[in-house]
C-alpha atoms as a PDB file:
ATOM      1  CA  UNK A   1     106.800 118.136  86.341  1.00  0.00           C
ATOM      2  CA  UNK A   2     108.520 120.056  83.638  1.00  0.00           C
ATOM      3  CA  UNK A   3     106.603 121.614  80.722  1.00  0.00           C
ATOM      4  CA  UNK A   4     108.383 119.347  78.256  1.00  0.00           C
ATOM      5  CA  UNK A   5     107.068 116.278  80.222  1.00  0.00           C
ATOM      6  CA  UNK A   6     103.723 117.277  80.235  1.00  0.00           C
ATOM      7  CA  UNK A   7     103.768 117.999  76.433  1.00  0.00           C
ATOM      8  CA  UNK A   8     105.203 114.573  75.989  1.00  0.00           C
ATOM      9  CA  UNK A   9     102.466 112.893  78.099  1.00  0.00           C
ATOM     10  CA  UNK A  10      99.582 114.816  76.031  1.00  0.00           C
ATOM     11  CA  UNK A  11     101.179 113.840  72.866  1.00  0.00           C
ATOM     12  CA  UNK A  12     100.725 110.253  73.937  1.00  0.00           C
ATOM     13  CA  UNK A  13      96.963 110.831  74.256  1.00  0.00           C
ATOM     14  CA  UNK A  14      96.766 112.879  70.803  1.00  0.00           C
ATOM     15  CA  UNK A  15      96.218 116.043  72.757  1.00  0.00           C
ATOM     16  CA  UNK A  16      92.575 114.972  73.625  1.00  0.00           C
ATOM     17  CA  UNK A  17      91.327 116.628  76.919  1.00  0.00           C
ATOM     18  CA  UNK A  18      90.240 114.512  79.847  1.00  0.00           C
ATOM     19  CA  UNK A  19      86.759 113.746  80.349  1.00  0.00           C
ATOM     20  CA  UNK A  20      84.882 114.539  83.602  1.00  0.00           C
ATOM     21  CA  UNK A  21      85.173 110.977  84.955  1.00  0.00           C
ATOM     22  CA  UNK A  22      89.008 110.829  83.807  1.00  0.00           C
ATOM     23  CA  UNK A  23      91.970 111.768  86.099  1.00  0.00           C
ATOM     24  CA  UNK A  24      95.685 111.930  85.965  1.00  0.00           C
ATOM     25  CA  UNK A  25      97.734 110.149  88.655  1.00  0.00           C
ATOM     26  CA  UNK A  26     101.407 110.025  89.255  1.00  0.00           C
ATOM     27  CA  UNK A  27     102.794 106.997  91.002  1.00  0.00           C
ATOM     28  CA  UNK A  28     106.286 105.845  92.344  1.00  0.00           C
ATOM     29  CA  UNK A  29     107.685 103.228  94.540  1.00  0.00           C
ATOM     30  CA  UNK A  30     110.731 102.572  96.650  1.00  0.00           C
ATOM     31  CA  UNK A  31     111.138  98.863  96.679  1.00  0.00           C
ATOM     32  CA  UNK A  32     113.723  98.349  99.278  1.00  0.00           C
ATOM     33  CA  UNK A  33     113.753 100.813 102.052  1.00  0.00           C
ATOM     34  CA  UNK A  34     115.851  99.328 104.961  1.00  0.00           C
ATOM     35  CA  UNK A  35     114.018  99.681 108.289  1.00  0.00           C
ATOM     36  CA  UNK A  36     116.568 100.692 111.192  1.00  0.00           C
ATOM     37  CA  UNK A  37     116.090 101.173 114.879  1.00  0.00           C
ATOM     38  CA  UNK A  38     118.663 102.905 116.850  1.00  0.00           C
ATOM     39  CA  UNK A  39     120.104 100.750 119.576  1.00  0.00           C
ATOM     40  CA  UNK A  40     120.356 103.581 122.348  1.00  0.00           C
ATOM     41  CA  UNK A  41     117.788 106.499 122.970  1.00  0.00           C
ATOM     42  CA  UNK A  42     118.775 109.897 121.742  1.00  0.00           C
ATOM     43  CA  UNK A  43     119.733 112.164 124.914  1.00  0.00           C
ATOM     44  CA  UNK A  44     118.273 115.823 124.904  1.00  0.00           C
ATOM     45  CA  UNK A  45     120.553 118.610 125.156  1.00  0.00           C
ATOM     46  CA  UNK A  46     121.736 120.026 128.308  1.00  0.00           C
ATOM     47  CA  UNK A  47     123.457 123.271 129.460  1.00  0.00           C
ATOM     48  CA  UNK A  48     126.766 123.418 127.842  1.00  0.00           C
ATOM     49  CA  UNK A  49     126.171 120.029 126.144  1.00  0.00           C
ATOM     50  CA  UNK A  50     124.807 119.507 122.652  1.00  0.00           C
ATOM     51  CA  UNK A  51     122.296 116.557 121.909  1.00  0.00           C
ATOM     52  CA  UNK A  52     123.585 113.136 121.860  1.00  0.00           C
ATOM     53  CA  UNK A  53     122.732 110.676 119.082  1.00  0.00           C
ATOM     54  CA  UNK A  54     124.090 107.284 118.944  1.00  0.00           C
ATOM     55  CA  UNK A  55     124.723 106.318 115.323  1.00  0.00           C
ATOM     56  CA  UNK A  56     124.651 102.599 116.039  1.00  0.00           C
ATOM     57  CA  UNK A  57     121.364 100.707 114.827  1.00  0.00           C
ATOM     58  CA  UNK A  58     119.939  97.457 114.345  1.00  0.00           C
ATOM     59  CA  UNK A  59     118.856  96.468 110.911  1.00  0.00           C
ATOM     60  CA  UNK A  60     115.069  95.393 110.403  1.00  0.00           C
ATOM     61  CA  UNK A  61     113.720  94.082 107.355  1.00  0.00           C
ATOM     62  CA  UNK A  62     113.283  95.929 104.006  1.00  0.00           C
ATOM     63  CA  UNK A  63     110.037  97.788 103.267  1.00  0.00           C
ATOM     64  CA  UNK A  64     108.284  98.936 100.050  1.00  0.00           C
ATOM     65  CA  UNK A  65     107.112 102.369 100.128  1.00  0.00           C
ATOM     66  CA  UNK A  66     104.189 102.957  97.457  1.00  0.00           C
ATOM     67  CA  UNK A  67     102.767 106.375  96.689  1.00  0.00           C
ATOM     68  CA  UNK A  68     100.486 107.904  93.979  1.00  0.00           C
ATOM     69  CA  UNK A  69      99.213 111.866  93.726  1.00  0.00           C
ATOM     70  CA  UNK A  70      95.913 112.386  92.316  1.00  0.00           C
ATOM     71  CA  UNK A  71      96.564 115.738  90.229  1.00  0.00           C
ATOM     72  CA  UNK A  72      92.619 116.348  90.021  1.00  0.00           C
ATOM     73  CA  UNK A  73      91.830 116.189  93.701  1.00  0.00           C
ATOM     74  CA  UNK A  74      95.482 117.184  95.010  1.00  0.00           C
ATOM     75  CA  UNK A  75      95.408 114.135  97.241  1.00  0.00           C
ATOM     76  CA  UNK A  76      98.433 111.880  97.911  1.00  0.00           C
ATOM     77  CA  UNK A  77      97.970 108.112  98.558  1.00  0.00           C
ATOM     78  CA  UNK A  78     100.954 106.202 100.068  1.00  0.00           C
ATOM     79  CA  UNK A  79     101.460 103.235 102.233  1.00  0.00           C
ATOM     80  CA  UNK A  80     104.485 100.859 103.450  1.00  0.00           C
ATOM     81  CA  UNK A  81     104.288  97.225 102.630  1.00  0.00           C
ATOM     82  CA  UNK A  82     106.519  94.345 104.070  1.00  0.00           C
ATOM     83  CA  UNK A  83     106.589  92.542 100.433  1.00  0.00           C
ATOM     84  CA  UNK A  84     106.635  94.114  96.961  1.00  0.00           C
ATOM     85  CA  UNK A  85     104.742  91.210  95.355  1.00  0.00           C
ATOM     86  CA  UNK A  86     107.558  90.849  92.912  1.00  0.00           C
ATOM     87  CA  UNK A  87     108.534  87.098  92.550  1.00  0.00           C
ATOM     88  CA  UNK A  88     112.251  86.953  92.467  1.00  0.00           C
ATOM     89  CA  UNK A  89     113.561  85.072  89.033  1.00  0.00           C
END
């Protein structure tokens, strides 16, 4: 995070320092990650032959990846979900 962004966030709270029981958490989500599975296994390299990777794949369902960073404890929380919980309009 850049200094300008930190200053902008601090100004929203009037520059008041955090209390002992208050924390800053940054969160992000990627709501449509396409799950893919390779159709054929990757072949290990051999003498005079490079590793072989087949680029053909089967599409799976879309996943949602959710992550948050607890700045106070330097800890990342993350999980993948099959559904986002967002109801289509």
